[in-house]
Amino acid sequence: MFYEFMERHTPCLINGTTESVVLSRETKATTVMGKEYVYNGLFAPTSIVKLGDLVETDATFMVLTMRQTVERDKYCSLLKSNAIIEVQRYDQEFDSNDNPVGAPDFITAQEGVVCFVQYVTADLRQQDQGLLPTTKYLVILQTSVDVKRPQGLPSPDRIIIDGQPYQVDVVDSLKYPSLLNVQVSEDTR
């Protein structure tokens, strides 16, 4: 089926490899998130695409789900990214002789992270009973991003969204295959 839609092929990059995708909007969406940010992508049977990959066209998408069609094409649900964030970690800097430099502070662990950020509304709280009462945003990102679970850390990681700091409260790796679902609250530290 992929090869039947040659006129709709859109060039894309997957992990730096040039491929083609047939993009379409999700037609059964009932929420604003579904209508605006969820797309369908059809890839060739020989495509290297896998769950959690970033697919770059004029926009950047994360692969949420994937199944094979009868023709062995790869049919995916894609989540369009809407933010670039920075992950910070409370840590101590050391010089070349392993001597501490200054006081412990938040140090950038990773920057320029492409992700999807969703503001938590009362409607979303009714749909997702697992949200903490303090959660301000849900952040969906790749598992390759260096964000730590807050349990056992002296101070939880911080995510900078649109210039504002937010504390990492929950890192869920089970909700989406090969993606992280992170709950963040206002950082008052």
N, C-alpha and C. Protein backbone atom coordinates (compact mmCIF):
# COMPACT_ATOMS: atom_id res chain seq x y z
N MET A 1 0.82 -1.19 0.00
CA MET A 1 0.00 0.00 0.00
C MET A 1 0.87 1.26 0.00
N PHE A 2 2.03 1.22 0.65
CA PHE A 2 2.93 2.36 0.69
C PHE A 2 3.30 2.82 -0.71
N TYR A 3 3.58 1.87 -1.58
CA TYR A 3 4.02 2.20 -2.94
C TYR A 3 2.88 2.65 -3.84
N GLU A 4 1.63 2.48 -3.41
CA GLU A 4 0.48 2.95 -4.17
C GLU A 4 0.27 4.45 -4.02
N PHE A 5 0.91 5.06 -3.02
CA PHE A 5 0.73 6.48 -2.74
C PHE A 5 2.01 7.28 -3.01
N MET A 6 2.67 6.99 -4.12
CA MET A 6 3.94 7.64 -4.44
C MET A 6 3.82 9.17 -4.47
N GLU A 7 2.68 9.69 -4.91
CA GLU A 7 2.51 11.13 -5.00
C GLU A 7 2.39 11.79 -3.62
N ARG A 8 2.12 11.01 -2.58
CA ARG A 8 1.97 11.56 -1.23
C ARG A 8 3.20 11.32 -0.36
N HIS A 9 4.26 10.78 -0.92
CA HIS A 9 5.47 10.53 -0.13
C HIS A 9 6.10 11.85 0.31
N THR A 10 6.41 11.93 1.58
CA THR A 10 7.08 13.09 2.15
C THR A 10 8.47 12.66 2.59
N PRO A 11 9.51 13.34 2.14
CA PRO A 11 10.85 12.97 2.59
C PRO A 11 10.97 13.22 4.10
N CYS A 12 11.68 12.33 4.78
CA CYS A 12 11.87 12.47 6.23
C CYS A 12 13.23 11.92 6.63
N LEU A 13 13.62 12.23 7.84
CA LEU A 13 14.85 11.70 8.43
C LEU A 13 14.47 10.86 9.64
N ILE A 14 15.02 9.65 9.74
CA ILE A 14 14.86 8.80 10.90
C ILE A 14 16.26 8.44 11.36
N ASN A 15 16.66 8.96 12.53
CA ASN A 15 18.01 8.73 13.05
C ASN A 15 19.09 9.08 12.02
N GLY A 16 18.86 10.16 11.26
CA GLY A 16 19.84 10.60 10.27
C GLY A 16 19.76 9.90 8.93
N THR A 17 18.88 8.90 8.79
CA THR A 17 18.73 8.18 7.54
C THR A 17 17.55 8.76 6.76
N THR A 18 17.75 9.03 5.48
CA THR A 18 16.70 9.59 4.64
C THR A 18 15.73 8.50 4.22
N GLU A 19 14.45 8.75 4.45
CA GLU A 19 13.39 7.82 4.05
C GLU A 19 12.20 8.63 3.58
N SER A 20 11.08 7.95 3.33
CA SER A 20 9.84 8.60 2.94
C SER A 20 8.72 8.11 3.84
N VAL A 21 7.73 8.97 4.03
CA VAL A 21 6.57 8.63 4.84
C VAL A 21 5.33 9.21 4.18
N VAL A 22 4.20 8.53 4.34
CA VAL A 22 2.90 9.06 3.93
C VAL A 22 2.22 9.52 5.21
N LEU A 23 2.07 10.83 5.37
CA LEU A 23 1.48 11.40 6.59
C LEU A 23 0.02 11.72 6.39
N SER A 24 -0.77 11.49 7.43
CA SER A 24 -2.17 11.90 7.43
C SER A 24 -2.58 12.19 8.87
N ARG A 25 -3.62 12.98 9.03
CA ARG A 25 -4.10 13.29 10.38
C ARG A 25 -4.93 12.13 10.90
N GLU A 26 -4.95 12.00 12.22
CA GLU A 26 -5.80 11.00 12.87
C GLU A 26 -7.25 11.44 12.70
N THR A 27 -8.08 10.61 12.09
CA THR A 27 -9.46 11.00 11.78
C THR A 27 -10.45 10.68 12.88
N LYS A 28 -10.10 9.82 13.81
CA LYS A 28 -11.04 9.41 14.86
C LYS A 28 -10.80 10.16 16.17
N ALA A 29 -9.99 11.21 16.15
CA ALA A 29 -9.66 11.95 17.36
C ALA A 29 -10.86 12.71 17.88
N THR A 30 -11.00 12.74 19.20
CA THR A 30 -12.09 13.47 19.83
C THR A 30 -11.60 14.58 20.74
N THR A 31 -10.30 14.62 21.03
CA THR A 31 -9.75 15.66 21.90
C THR A 31 -8.93 16.63 21.07
N VAL A 32 -8.65 17.78 21.63
CA VAL A 32 -7.82 18.77 20.94
C VAL A 32 -6.43 18.18 20.70
N MET A 33 -5.90 17.47 21.70
CA MET A 33 -4.58 16.85 21.52
C MET A 33 -4.60 15.89 20.33
N GLY A 34 -5.62 15.05 20.26
CA GLY A 34 -5.73 14.09 19.17
C GLY A 34 -5.89 14.75 17.81
N LYS A 35 -6.68 15.81 17.77
CA LYS A 35 -6.93 16.50 16.50
C LYS A 35 -5.73 17.28 16.01
N GLU A 36 -4.96 17.85 16.93
CA GLU A 36 -3.86 18.72 16.54
C GLU A 36 -2.49 18.05 16.50
N TYR A 37 -2.29 17.03 17.33
CA TYR A 37 -0.94 16.51 17.49
C TYR A 37 -0.73 15.05 17.11
N VAL A 38 -1.79 14.28 16.89
CA VAL A 38 -1.63 12.87 16.55
C VAL A 38 -1.81 12.69 15.04
N TYR A 39 -0.82 12.06 14.41
CA TYR A 39 -0.82 11.81 12.98
C TYR A 39 -0.65 10.32 12.73
N ASN A 40 -0.98 9.91 11.53
CA ASN A 40 -0.71 8.55 11.08
C ASN A 40 0.43 8.62 10.08
N GLY A 41 1.33 7.66 10.16
CA GLY A 41 2.46 7.60 9.24
C GLY A 41 2.57 6.20 8.64
N LEU A 42 2.69 6.14 7.35
CA LEU A 42 2.85 4.86 6.65
C LEU A 42 4.26 4.81 6.07
N PHE A 43 5.02 3.79 6.47
CA PHE A 43 6.41 3.64 6.03
C PHE A 43 6.54 2.38 5.20
N ALA A 44 7.58 2.33 4.38
CA ALA A 44 7.86 1.17 3.53
C ALA A 44 8.20 -0.04 4.40
N PRO A 45 8.00 -1.25 3.88
CA PRO A 45 8.34 -2.46 4.64
C PRO A 45 9.82 -2.51 5.02
N THR A 46 10.67 -1.87 4.24
CA THR A 46 12.11 -1.90 4.50
C THR A 46 12.58 -0.76 5.40
N SER A 47 11.66 0.06 5.89
CA SER A 47 12.00 1.21 6.72
C SER A 47 12.67 0.76 8.02
N ILE A 48 13.56 1.62 8.54
CA ILE A 48 14.23 1.33 9.81
C ILE A 48 13.44 1.86 11.00
N VAL A 49 12.28 2.46 10.77
CA VAL A 49 11.51 3.07 11.85
C VAL A 49 11.14 2.04 12.91
N LYS A 50 11.22 2.50 14.18
CA LYS A 50 10.82 1.65 15.30
C LYS A 50 10.18 2.52 16.37
N LEU A 51 9.58 1.90 17.37
CA LEU A 51 8.91 2.63 18.44
C LEU A 51 9.86 3.60 19.13
N GLY A 52 9.37 4.82 19.38
CA GLY A 52 10.16 5.81 20.08
C GLY A 52 11.06 6.66 19.21
N ASP A 53 11.20 6.33 17.93
CA ASP A 53 12.07 7.10 17.03
C ASP A 53 11.53 8.50 16.79
N LEU A 54 12.44 9.42 16.44
CA LEU A 54 12.05 10.74 15.98
C LEU A 54 12.00 10.72 14.46
N VAL A 55 10.87 11.19 13.92
CA VAL A 55 10.70 11.29 12.47
C VAL A 55 10.66 12.78 12.16
N GLU A 56 11.63 13.23 11.36
CA GLU A 56 11.75 14.65 11.06
C GLU A 56 11.34 14.94 9.62
N THR A 57 10.32 15.78 9.48
CA THR A 57 9.93 16.34 8.18
C THR A 57 10.03 17.85 8.38
N ASP A 58 9.04 18.62 7.95
CA ASP A 58 9.03 20.04 8.31
C ASP A 58 8.69 20.20 9.80
N ALA A 59 8.13 19.17 10.41
CA ALA A 59 7.89 19.09 11.85
C ALA A 59 8.59 17.84 12.36
N THR A 60 8.62 17.68 13.68
CA THR A 60 9.24 16.50 14.27
C THR A 60 8.17 15.70 15.00
N PHE A 61 8.18 14.38 14.78
CA PHE A 61 7.19 13.48 15.36
C PHE A 61 7.90 12.38 16.14
N MET A 62 7.22 11.86 17.17
CA MET A 62 7.70 10.68 17.90
C MET A 62 6.78 9.52 17.56
N VAL A 63 7.35 8.33 17.36
CA VAL A 63 6.56 7.15 17.02
C VAL A 63 5.94 6.58 18.29
N LEU A 64 4.60 6.65 18.39
CA LEU A 64 3.87 6.14 19.56
C LEU A 64 3.57 4.66 19.45
N THR A 65 2.99 4.26 18.32
CA THR A 65 2.63 2.85 18.11
C THR A 65 3.03 2.45 16.70
N MET A 66 3.17 1.15 16.49
CA MET A 66 3.50 0.66 15.16
C MET A 66 2.93 -0.75 14.98
N ARG A 67 2.38 -0.98 13.80
CA ARG A 67 1.91 -2.32 13.45
C ARG A 67 2.18 -2.52 11.96
N GLN A 68 2.24 -3.77 11.55
CA GLN A 68 2.46 -4.06 10.14
C GLN A 68 1.12 -4.30 9.46
N THR A 69 1.00 -3.80 8.24
CA THR A 69 -0.20 -4.03 7.45
C THR A 69 -0.07 -5.38 6.75
N VAL A 70 -1.10 -5.75 6.01
CA VAL A 70 -1.09 -7.01 5.26
C VAL A 70 0.05 -7.01 4.24
N GLU A 71 0.34 -5.83 3.67
CA GLU A 71 1.41 -5.72 2.68
C GLU A 71 2.79 -5.58 3.34
N ARG A 72 2.87 -5.71 4.66
CA ARG A 72 4.10 -5.62 5.46
C ARG A 72 4.60 -4.18 5.61
N ASP A 73 3.77 -3.17 5.21
CA ASP A 73 4.12 -1.79 5.46
C ASP A 73 4.09 -1.53 6.97
N LYS A 74 4.77 -0.50 7.41
CA LYS A 74 4.79 -0.13 8.82
C LYS A 74 3.85 1.05 9.01
N TYR A 75 2.76 0.80 9.74
CA TYR A 75 1.72 1.81 9.98
C TYR A 75 1.89 2.30 11.41
N CYS A 76 2.13 3.60 11.57
CA CYS A 76 2.48 4.15 12.89
C CYS A 76 1.54 5.28 13.30
N SER A 77 1.36 5.41 14.61
CA SER A 77 0.77 6.61 15.19
C SER A 77 1.94 7.50 15.59
N LEU A 78 1.89 8.74 15.15
CA LEU A 78 2.97 9.69 15.40
C LEU A 78 2.46 10.84 16.25
N LEU A 79 3.25 11.27 17.23
CA LEU A 79 2.90 12.40 18.09
C LEU A 79 3.80 13.57 17.71
N LYS A 80 3.16 14.66 17.27
CA LYS A 80 3.91 15.84 16.82
C LYS A 80 4.49 16.56 18.03
N SER A 81 5.78 16.87 17.98
CA SER A 81 6.41 17.58 19.10
C SER A 81 5.98 19.04 19.08
N ASN A 82 5.95 19.64 20.28
CA ASN A 82 5.56 21.04 20.37
C ASN A 82 6.48 21.86 21.27
N ALA A 83 7.57 21.25 21.75
CA ALA A 83 8.47 21.98 22.65
C ALA A 83 9.88 21.42 22.57
N ILE A 84 10.81 22.27 22.95
CA ILE A 84 12.21 21.88 23.14
C ILE A 84 12.56 22.26 24.57
N ILE A 85 13.02 21.28 25.33
CA ILE A 85 13.26 21.50 26.76
C ILE A 85 14.72 21.27 27.12
N GLU A 86 15.02 21.57 28.37
CA GLU A 86 16.34 21.31 28.95
C GLU A 86 16.14 20.52 30.23
N VAL A 87 16.97 19.51 30.46
CA VAL A 87 16.92 18.71 31.69
C VAL A 87 18.12 19.12 32.55
N GLN A 88 17.84 19.46 33.81
CA GLN A 88 18.90 19.85 34.74
C GLN A 88 18.92 18.90 35.92
N ARG A 89 20.11 18.72 36.50
CA ARG A 89 20.28 17.82 37.64
C ARG A 89 21.04 18.55 38.74
N TYR A 90 20.59 18.38 39.98
CA TYR A 90 21.26 18.98 41.13
C TYR A 90 22.53 18.18 41.38
N ASP A 91 23.67 18.83 41.18
CA ASP A 91 24.93 18.10 41.24
C ASP A 91 26.05 19.06 41.62
N GLN A 92 27.19 18.49 41.87
CA GLN A 92 28.39 19.23 42.23
C GLN A 92 29.36 19.20 41.05
N GLU A 93 29.95 20.35 40.72
CA GLU A 93 30.98 20.38 39.70
C GLU A 93 32.34 20.12 40.34
N PHE A 94 33.21 19.43 39.58
CA PHE A 94 34.55 19.11 40.07
C PHE A 94 35.58 19.57 39.05
N ASP A 95 36.76 19.94 39.56
CA ASP A 95 37.84 20.32 38.66
C ASP A 95 38.60 19.07 38.19
N SER A 96 39.69 19.24 37.47
CA SER A 96 40.44 18.11 36.92
C SER A 96 41.08 17.23 38.00
N ASN A 97 41.23 17.75 39.22
CA ASN A 97 41.79 16.96 40.34
C ASN A 97 40.70 16.41 41.25
N ASP A 98 39.46 16.40 40.80
CA ASP A 98 38.30 15.93 41.56
C ASP A 98 38.03 16.72 42.83
N ASN A 99 38.39 18.00 42.83
CA ASN A 99 38.06 18.88 43.95
C ASN A 99 36.76 19.61 43.63
N PRO A 100 35.86 19.74 44.62
CA PRO A 100 34.59 20.43 44.34
C PRO A 100 34.82 21.89 43.97
N VAL A 101 34.04 22.35 43.01
CA VAL A 101 34.10 23.74 42.56
C VAL A 101 32.78 24.40 42.93
N GLY A 102 32.81 25.33 43.87
CA GLY A 102 31.60 26.02 44.29
C GLY A 102 30.64 25.12 45.04
N ALA A 103 29.43 25.62 45.23
CA ALA A 103 28.39 24.87 45.93
C ALA A 103 27.60 24.03 44.93
N PRO A 104 26.95 22.95 45.41
CA PRO A 104 26.11 22.18 44.49
C PRO A 104 25.02 23.07 43.88
N ASP A 105 24.70 22.82 42.63
CA ASP A 105 23.70 23.62 41.94
C ASP A 105 23.11 22.78 40.81
N PHE A 106 22.12 23.31 40.12
CA PHE A 106 21.53 22.61 38.99
C PHE A 106 22.44 22.77 37.77
N ILE A 107 22.84 21.62 37.22
CA ILE A 107 23.73 21.58 36.07
C ILE A 107 22.96 20.95 34.91
N THR A 108 23.15 21.49 33.72
CA THR A 108 22.46 20.96 32.55
C THR A 108 22.92 19.54 32.27
N ALA A 109 21.96 18.61 32.29
CA ALA A 109 22.25 17.20 31.96
C ALA A 109 22.04 16.97 30.47
N GLN A 110 21.04 17.64 29.90
CA GLN A 110 20.76 17.50 28.46
C GLN A 110 19.95 18.71 28.02
N GLU A 111 20.29 19.26 26.85
CA GLU A 111 19.55 20.41 26.34
C GLU A 111 19.13 20.16 24.90
N GLY A 112 18.18 20.95 24.43
CA GLY A 112 17.68 20.79 23.07
C GLY A 112 16.87 19.53 22.88
N VAL A 113 16.17 19.08 23.91
CA VAL A 113 15.39 17.85 23.86
C VAL A 113 14.04 18.12 23.20
N VAL A 114 13.79 17.44 22.10
CA VAL A 114 12.52 17.57 21.38
C VAL A 114 11.49 16.69 22.09
N CYS A 115 10.33 17.26 22.41
CA CYS A 115 9.32 16.50 23.17
C CYS A 115 7.92 17.06 22.92
N PHE A 116 6.95 16.43 23.57
CA PHE A 116 5.57 16.91 23.55
C PHE A 116 5.21 17.30 24.97
N VAL A 117 4.71 18.51 25.17
CA VAL A 117 4.33 19.01 26.48
C VAL A 117 2.83 19.31 26.46
N GLN A 118 2.13 18.80 27.48
CA GLN A 118 0.69 19.02 27.58
C GLN A 118 0.35 19.61 28.94
N TYR A 119 -0.39 20.72 28.94
CA TYR A 119 -0.83 21.34 30.18
C TYR A 119 -1.92 20.48 30.80
N VAL A 120 -1.88 20.28 32.09
CA VAL A 120 -2.85 19.44 32.78
C VAL A 120 -4.07 20.27 33.16
N THR A 121 -5.21 19.90 32.59
CA THR A 121 -6.48 20.57 32.86
C THR A 121 -7.35 19.69 33.74
N ALA A 122 -8.47 20.24 34.21
CA ALA A 122 -9.41 19.45 35.02
C ALA A 122 -9.97 18.29 34.21
N ASP A 123 -10.20 18.51 32.91
CA ASP A 123 -10.71 17.44 32.04
C ASP A 123 -9.69 16.31 31.94
N LEU A 124 -8.42 16.65 31.80
CA LEU A 124 -7.38 15.64 31.72
C LEU A 124 -7.26 14.87 33.04
N ARG A 125 -7.45 15.55 34.16
CA ARG A 125 -7.41 14.88 35.47
C ARG A 125 -8.53 13.84 35.59
N GLN A 126 -9.69 14.12 34.99
CA GLN A 126 -10.79 13.15 35.03
C GLN A 126 -10.48 11.95 34.15
N GLN A 127 -9.79 12.17 33.03
CA GLN A 127 -9.45 11.08 32.10
C GLN A 127 -8.31 10.23 32.63
N ASP A 128 -7.34 10.83 33.30
CA ASP A 128 -6.15 10.13 33.78
C ASP A 128 -6.09 10.22 35.30
N GLN A 129 -6.57 9.17 35.96
CA GLN A 129 -6.63 9.16 37.42
C GLN A 129 -5.26 9.05 38.07
N GLY A 130 -4.22 8.76 37.30
CA GLY A 130 -2.88 8.59 37.84
C GLY A 130 -2.10 9.88 37.99
N LEU A 131 -2.71 11.01 37.68
CA LEU A 131 -2.00 12.28 37.80
C LEU A 131 -1.94 12.72 39.25
N LEU A 132 -0.78 13.23 39.66
CA LEU A 132 -0.63 13.77 41.00
C LEU A 132 -1.39 15.09 41.10
N PRO A 133 -1.86 15.45 42.29
CA PRO A 133 -2.59 16.73 42.43
C PRO A 133 -1.74 17.95 42.09
N THR A 134 -0.42 17.83 42.19
CA THR A 134 0.47 18.97 41.92
C THR A 134 0.96 19.04 40.48
N THR A 135 0.64 18.05 39.66
CA THR A 135 1.16 18.00 38.29
C THR A 135 0.64 19.17 37.46
N LYS A 136 1.58 19.93 36.84
CA LYS A 136 1.23 21.05 35.97
C LYS A 136 1.27 20.66 34.50
N TYR A 137 2.29 19.85 34.12
CA TYR A 137 2.47 19.46 32.73
C TYR A 137 2.81 17.97 32.65
N LEU A 138 2.42 17.38 31.52
CA LEU A 138 2.88 16.06 31.14
C LEU A 138 3.89 16.27 30.02
N VAL A 139 5.03 15.61 30.12
CA VAL A 139 6.07 15.73 29.11
C VAL A 139 6.33 14.33 28.55
N ILE A 140 6.19 14.18 27.24
CA ILE A 140 6.44 12.89 26.59
C ILE A 140 7.72 13.05 25.78
N LEU A 141 8.71 12.17 26.06
CA LEU A 141 10.00 12.27 25.40
C LEU A 141 10.62 10.89 25.20
N GLN A 142 11.71 10.84 24.47
CA GLN A 142 12.36 9.58 24.16
C GLN A 142 13.05 9.00 25.40
N THR A 143 13.18 7.68 25.43
CA THR A 143 13.84 7.01 26.56
C THR A 143 15.33 7.30 26.59
N SER A 144 15.89 7.79 25.50
CA SER A 144 17.32 8.11 25.48
C SER A 144 17.64 9.40 26.23
N VAL A 145 16.61 10.16 26.62
CA VAL A 145 16.83 11.41 27.35
C VAL A 145 17.23 11.07 28.78
N ASP A 146 18.23 11.76 29.29
CA ASP A 146 18.79 11.49 30.61
C ASP A 146 17.97 12.21 31.69
N VAL A 147 16.79 11.67 32.00
CA VAL A 147 15.98 12.19 33.09
C VAL A 147 15.81 11.05 34.10
N LYS A 148 16.11 11.35 35.36
CA LYS A 148 16.12 10.31 36.40
C LYS A 148 14.80 10.29 37.17
N ARG A 149 14.45 9.10 37.66
CA ARG A 149 13.30 8.98 38.56
C ARG A 149 13.66 9.67 39.87
N PRO A 150 12.73 10.38 40.49
CA PRO A 150 13.06 11.15 41.69
C PRO A 150 13.37 10.30 42.93
N GLN A 151 12.94 9.04 42.96
CA GLN A 151 13.18 8.21 44.12
C GLN A 151 14.68 7.97 44.28
N GLY A 152 15.19 8.22 45.47
CA GLY A 152 16.59 7.97 45.76
C GLY A 152 17.53 9.10 45.41
N LEU A 153 17.05 10.15 44.76
CA LEU A 153 17.91 11.29 44.46
C LEU A 153 17.86 12.29 45.61
N PRO A 154 18.96 12.98 45.91
CA PRO A 154 18.92 13.99 46.97
C PRO A 154 17.97 15.14 46.61
N SER A 155 17.86 15.42 45.32
CA SER A 155 16.94 16.46 44.83
C SER A 155 16.49 16.04 43.43
N PRO A 156 15.18 16.02 43.16
CA PRO A 156 14.69 15.58 41.84
C PRO A 156 15.23 16.44 40.71
N ASP A 157 15.27 15.85 39.51
CA ASP A 157 15.69 16.58 38.32
C ASP A 157 14.74 17.75 38.07
N ARG A 158 15.21 18.66 37.25
CA ARG A 158 14.43 19.84 36.88
C ARG A 158 14.33 19.86 35.36
N ILE A 159 13.15 20.22 34.86
CA ILE A 159 12.95 20.40 33.42
C ILE A 159 12.59 21.86 33.18
N ILE A 160 13.28 22.47 32.23
CA ILE A 160 13.01 23.87 31.87
C ILE A 160 12.09 23.87 30.66
N ILE A 161 10.86 24.38 30.87
CA ILE A 161 9.86 24.48 29.81
C ILE A 161 9.59 25.96 29.57
N ASP A 162 9.87 26.43 28.39
CA ASP A 162 9.63 27.83 28.02
C ASP A 162 10.26 28.79 29.03
N GLY A 163 11.47 28.46 29.48
CA GLY A 163 12.20 29.33 30.39
C GLY A 163 11.84 29.18 31.86
N GLN A 164 10.84 28.36 32.18
CA GLN A 164 10.40 28.19 33.57
C GLN A 164 10.84 26.83 34.10
N PRO A 165 11.30 26.76 35.38
CA PRO A 165 11.74 25.48 35.93
C PRO A 165 10.56 24.68 36.50
N TYR A 166 10.57 23.37 36.25
CA TYR A 166 9.56 22.46 36.79
C TYR A 166 10.27 21.24 37.36
N GLN A 167 9.77 20.77 38.50
CA GLN A 167 10.35 19.62 39.19
C GLN A 167 9.79 18.32 38.65
N VAL A 168 10.66 17.33 38.41
CA VAL A 168 10.24 16.02 37.94
C VAL A 168 9.68 15.24 39.13
N ASP A 169 8.40 14.84 39.03
CA ASP A 169 7.75 14.09 40.11
C ASP A 169 7.59 12.61 39.79
N VAL A 170 7.28 12.30 38.52
CA VAL A 170 7.05 10.91 38.11
C VAL A 170 7.67 10.70 36.74
N VAL A 171 8.39 9.58 36.57
CA VAL A 171 8.91 9.17 35.27
C VAL A 171 8.31 7.80 34.99
N ASP A 172 7.37 7.74 34.04
CA ASP A 172 6.65 6.51 33.70
C ASP A 172 7.13 5.98 32.36
N SER A 173 7.72 4.80 32.37
CA SER A 173 8.22 4.20 31.12
C SER A 173 7.28 3.12 30.60
N LEU A 174 6.12 2.94 31.23
CA LEU A 174 5.20 1.88 30.83
C LEU A 174 4.02 2.37 29.99
N LYS A 175 3.60 3.61 30.15
CA LYS A 175 2.41 4.11 29.46
C LYS A 175 2.55 4.06 27.94
N TYR A 176 3.70 4.49 27.43
CA TYR A 176 3.97 4.47 25.99
C TYR A 176 5.21 3.61 25.75
N PRO A 177 5.15 2.68 24.80
CA PRO A 177 6.34 1.86 24.53
C PRO A 177 7.47 2.71 23.96
N SER A 178 8.63 2.58 24.53
CA SER A 178 9.85 3.27 24.07
C SER A 178 9.79 4.78 24.22
N LEU A 179 8.89 5.29 25.04
CA LEU A 179 8.83 6.72 25.35
C LEU A 179 8.64 6.88 26.86
N LEU A 180 9.01 8.04 27.38
CA LEU A 180 8.81 8.35 28.79
C LEU A 180 7.67 9.33 28.93
N ASN A 181 6.81 9.10 29.92
CA ASN A 181 5.72 10.00 30.26
C ASN A 181 6.09 10.60 31.62
N VAL A 182 6.44 11.88 31.63
CA VAL A 182 6.97 12.53 32.82
C VAL A 182 5.97 13.55 33.34
N GLN A 183 5.68 13.47 34.66
CA GLN A 183 4.83 14.45 35.30
C GLN A 183 5.73 15.47 36.01
N VAL A 184 5.48 16.77 35.78
CA VAL A 184 6.26 17.81 36.43
C VAL A 184 5.33 18.79 37.15
N SER A 185 5.85 19.34 38.25
CA SER A 185 5.11 20.34 39.02
C SER A 185 5.96 21.61 39.12
N GLU A 186 5.36 22.68 39.62
CA GLU A 186 6.12 23.93 39.76
C GLU A 186 7.29 23.70 40.70
N ASP A 187 8.45 24.20 40.30
CA ASP A 187 9.67 24.04 41.10
C ASP A 187 9.81 25.22 42.03
N THR A 188 9.74 24.97 43.33
CA THR A 188 9.84 26.04 44.32
C THR A 188 11.19 26.04 45.03
N ARG A 189 12.14 25.28 44.51
CA ARG A 189 13.46 25.21 45.16
C ARG A 189 14.29 26.43 44.85
